[in-house]
Amino acid sequence: MPSQDPLDVGLEQLLLTQGGDIYNQVENRLIRKALEFTKYNQVQAAHHLGITRNVLRHRMKQFGLL
């Protein structure tokens, strides 16, 4: 039996248990983790996420991080 990817397992669990806008919840947590990981260096965080710094800042504003 092949082992499941931990990310897939976690996402499936979220889909089963969480109501509402799961996409925004996941994006919010991912951005926060990327910022923590890079010691809040926005350029590095954006790079790790595969987005531009401007997109990151827009999302940060949406989530009340700026």
N, C-alpha and C. Protein backbone atom coordinates (compact mmCIF):
# COMPACT_ATOMS: atom_id res chain seq x y z
N MET A 1 0.85 -1.19 0.00
CA MET A 1 0.00 0.00 0.00
C MET A 1 0.90 1.25 0.00
N PRO A 2 0.77 2.13 -1.01
CA PRO A 2 1.61 3.31 -1.06
C PRO A 2 1.27 4.29 0.07
N SER A 3 2.31 4.93 0.59
CA SER A 3 2.06 5.91 1.64
C SER A 3 1.50 7.19 1.02
N GLN A 4 0.62 7.85 1.77
CA GLN A 4 0.01 9.08 1.28
C GLN A 4 0.89 10.26 1.62
N ASP A 5 0.90 11.22 0.74
CA ASP A 5 1.61 12.47 0.98
C ASP A 5 0.96 13.18 2.18
N PRO A 6 1.76 13.59 3.17
CA PRO A 6 1.20 14.27 4.35
C PRO A 6 0.39 15.52 4.00
N LEU A 7 0.81 16.22 2.96
CA LEU A 7 0.06 17.41 2.55
C LEU A 7 -1.32 17.02 2.04
N ASP A 8 -1.40 15.96 1.24
CA ASP A 8 -2.70 15.48 0.75
C ASP A 8 -3.60 15.06 1.90
N VAL A 9 -3.02 14.36 2.86
CA VAL A 9 -3.81 13.90 4.02
C VAL A 9 -4.36 15.10 4.78
N GLY A 10 -3.50 16.11 5.01
CA GLY A 10 -3.94 17.29 5.74
C GLY A 10 -5.01 18.07 5.00
N LEU A 11 -4.85 18.21 3.70
CA LEU A 11 -5.85 18.93 2.92
C LEU A 11 -7.18 18.19 2.89
N GLU A 12 -7.12 16.87 2.76
CA GLU A 12 -8.36 16.09 2.79
C GLU A 12 -9.06 16.25 4.13
N GLN A 13 -8.29 16.25 5.21
CA GLN A 13 -8.87 16.41 6.55
C GLN A 13 -9.54 17.78 6.67
N LEU A 14 -8.89 18.80 6.16
CA LEU A 14 -9.50 20.14 6.19
C LEU A 14 -10.81 20.17 5.41
N LEU A 15 -10.81 19.57 4.23
CA LEU A 15 -12.03 19.56 3.42
C LEU A 15 -13.17 18.83 4.12
N LEU A 16 -12.83 17.81 4.89
CA LEU A 16 -13.84 17.04 5.59
C LEU A 16 -14.36 17.74 6.85
N THR A 17 -13.51 18.50 7.51
CA THR A 17 -13.87 19.02 8.83
C THR A 17 -14.15 20.51 8.89
N GLN A 18 -13.62 21.27 7.98
CA GLN A 18 -13.75 22.74 8.06
C GLN A 18 -14.81 23.24 7.11
N GLY A 19 -15.61 24.13 7.59
CA GLY A 19 -16.59 24.77 6.73
C GLY A 19 -16.04 26.10 6.25
N GLY A 20 -16.78 26.72 5.39
CA GLY A 20 -16.39 28.06 4.96
C GLY A 20 -15.36 28.07 3.87
N ASP A 21 -14.59 29.12 3.86
CA ASP A 21 -13.64 29.39 2.79
C ASP A 21 -12.27 28.79 3.12
N ILE A 22 -12.12 27.52 2.85
CA ILE A 22 -10.89 26.81 3.18
C ILE A 22 -9.70 27.36 2.40
N TYR A 23 -9.91 27.76 1.17
CA TYR A 23 -8.81 28.27 0.35
C TYR A 23 -8.14 29.46 1.04
N ASN A 24 -8.94 30.41 1.51
CA ASN A 24 -8.37 31.57 2.19
C ASN A 24 -7.70 31.19 3.50
N GLN A 25 -8.25 30.23 4.21
CA GLN A 25 -7.63 29.77 5.46
C GLN A 25 -6.25 29.19 5.19
N VAL A 26 -6.15 28.36 4.18
CA VAL A 26 -4.88 27.72 3.83
C VAL A 26 -3.89 28.77 3.33
N GLU A 27 -4.34 29.67 2.47
CA GLU A 27 -3.46 30.71 1.93
C GLU A 27 -2.94 31.60 3.06
N ASN A 28 -3.81 31.98 3.98
CA ASN A 28 -3.42 32.81 5.11
C ASN A 28 -2.32 32.13 5.93
N ARG A 29 -2.53 30.86 6.27
CA ARG A 29 -1.54 30.13 7.07
C ARG A 29 -0.23 29.94 6.31
N LEU A 30 -0.31 29.68 5.02
CA LEU A 30 0.89 29.49 4.20
C LEU A 30 1.71 30.77 4.14
N ILE A 31 1.06 31.89 3.97
CA ILE A 31 1.76 33.17 3.93
C ILE A 31 2.40 33.45 5.28
N ARG A 32 1.67 33.23 6.36
CA ARG A 32 2.23 33.45 7.70
C ARG A 32 3.46 32.57 7.93
N LYS A 33 3.38 31.31 7.52
CA LYS A 33 4.51 30.39 7.71
C LYS A 33 5.71 30.82 6.88
N ALA A 34 5.47 31.26 5.63
CA ALA A 34 6.56 31.72 4.78
C ALA A 34 7.23 32.94 5.38
N LEU A 35 6.43 33.84 5.94
CA LEU A 35 7.00 35.03 6.58
C LEU A 35 7.80 34.67 7.83
N GLU A 36 7.28 33.76 8.64
CA GLU A 36 8.02 33.31 9.82
C GLU A 36 9.33 32.64 9.41
N PHE A 37 9.26 31.78 8.40
CA PHE A 37 10.41 31.03 7.92
C PHE A 37 11.53 31.96 7.44
N THR A 38 11.14 33.08 6.83
CA THR A 38 12.13 34.02 6.29
C THR A 38 12.39 35.20 7.22
N LYS A 39 11.94 35.06 8.47
CA LYS A 39 12.10 36.15 9.45
C LYS A 39 11.49 37.45 8.93
N TYR A 40 10.34 37.30 8.27
CA TYR A 40 9.53 38.41 7.76
C TYR A 40 10.19 39.18 6.62
N ASN A 41 11.10 38.54 5.91
CA ASN A 41 11.67 39.13 4.70
C ASN A 41 10.68 38.87 3.56
N GLN A 42 10.02 39.92 3.13
CA GLN A 42 8.95 39.78 2.16
C GLN A 42 9.44 39.28 0.80
N VAL A 43 10.60 39.72 0.37
CA VAL A 43 11.14 39.28 -0.92
C VAL A 43 11.41 37.78 -0.88
N GLN A 44 12.05 37.31 0.19
CA GLN A 44 12.34 35.88 0.30
C GLN A 44 11.07 35.06 0.45
N ALA A 45 10.13 35.55 1.25
CA ALA A 45 8.86 34.84 1.43
C ALA A 45 8.13 34.70 0.10
N ALA A 46 8.07 35.79 -0.66
CA ALA A 46 7.40 35.75 -1.96
C ALA A 46 8.10 34.76 -2.88
N HIS A 47 9.42 34.74 -2.85
CA HIS A 47 10.18 33.80 -3.68
C HIS A 47 9.82 32.35 -3.33
N HIS A 48 9.78 32.04 -2.04
CA HIS A 48 9.44 30.68 -1.61
C HIS A 48 8.02 30.29 -2.01
N LEU A 49 7.13 31.27 -2.04
CA LEU A 49 5.74 31.01 -2.41
C LEU A 49 5.52 31.02 -3.92
N GLY A 50 6.52 31.49 -4.67
CA GLY A 50 6.38 31.53 -6.13
C GLY A 50 5.50 32.66 -6.62
N ILE A 51 5.48 33.75 -5.85
CA ILE A 51 4.69 34.93 -6.23
C ILE A 51 5.60 36.15 -6.14
N THR A 52 5.12 37.28 -6.64
CA THR A 52 5.91 38.51 -6.54
C THR A 52 5.69 39.14 -5.16
N ARG A 53 6.60 40.04 -4.82
CA ARG A 53 6.48 40.75 -3.55
C ARG A 53 5.20 41.58 -3.53
N ASN A 54 4.84 42.16 -4.67
CA ASN A 54 3.61 42.96 -4.73
C ASN A 54 2.37 42.10 -4.47
N VAL A 55 2.35 40.90 -5.03
CA VAL A 55 1.22 39.99 -4.78
C VAL A 55 1.20 39.60 -3.31
N LEU A 56 2.38 39.31 -2.76
CA LEU A 56 2.45 38.96 -1.33
C LEU A 56 1.91 40.11 -0.48
N ARG A 57 2.33 41.33 -0.76
CA ARG A 57 1.86 42.47 0.03
C ARG A 57 0.35 42.66 -0.10
N HIS A 58 -0.19 42.44 -1.30
CA HIS A 58 -1.64 42.53 -1.49
C HIS A 58 -2.36 41.50 -0.62
N ARG A 59 -1.86 40.27 -0.63
CA ARG A 59 -2.46 39.21 0.19
C ARG A 59 -2.31 39.51 1.68
N MET A 60 -1.14 40.04 2.06
CA MET A 60 -0.91 40.40 3.46
C MET A 60 -1.94 41.44 3.92
N LYS A 61 -2.24 42.41 3.06
CA LYS A 61 -3.24 43.42 3.39
C LYS A 61 -4.62 42.76 3.55
N GLN A 62 -4.95 41.83 2.66
CA GLN A 62 -6.23 41.13 2.74
C GLN A 62 -6.38 40.39 4.06
N PHE A 63 -5.26 39.83 4.56
CA PHE A 63 -5.31 39.02 5.78
C PHE A 63 -4.97 39.84 7.03
N GLY A 64 -4.85 41.16 6.88
CA GLY A 64 -4.59 42.02 8.03
C GLY A 64 -3.18 41.92 8.58
N LEU A 65 -2.24 41.58 7.72
CA LEU A 65 -0.85 41.44 8.15
C LEU A 65 -0.05 42.72 7.89
N LEU A 66 -0.64 43.68 7.23
CA LEU A 66 0.00 44.98 6.98
C LEU A 66 -0.90 46.09 7.46
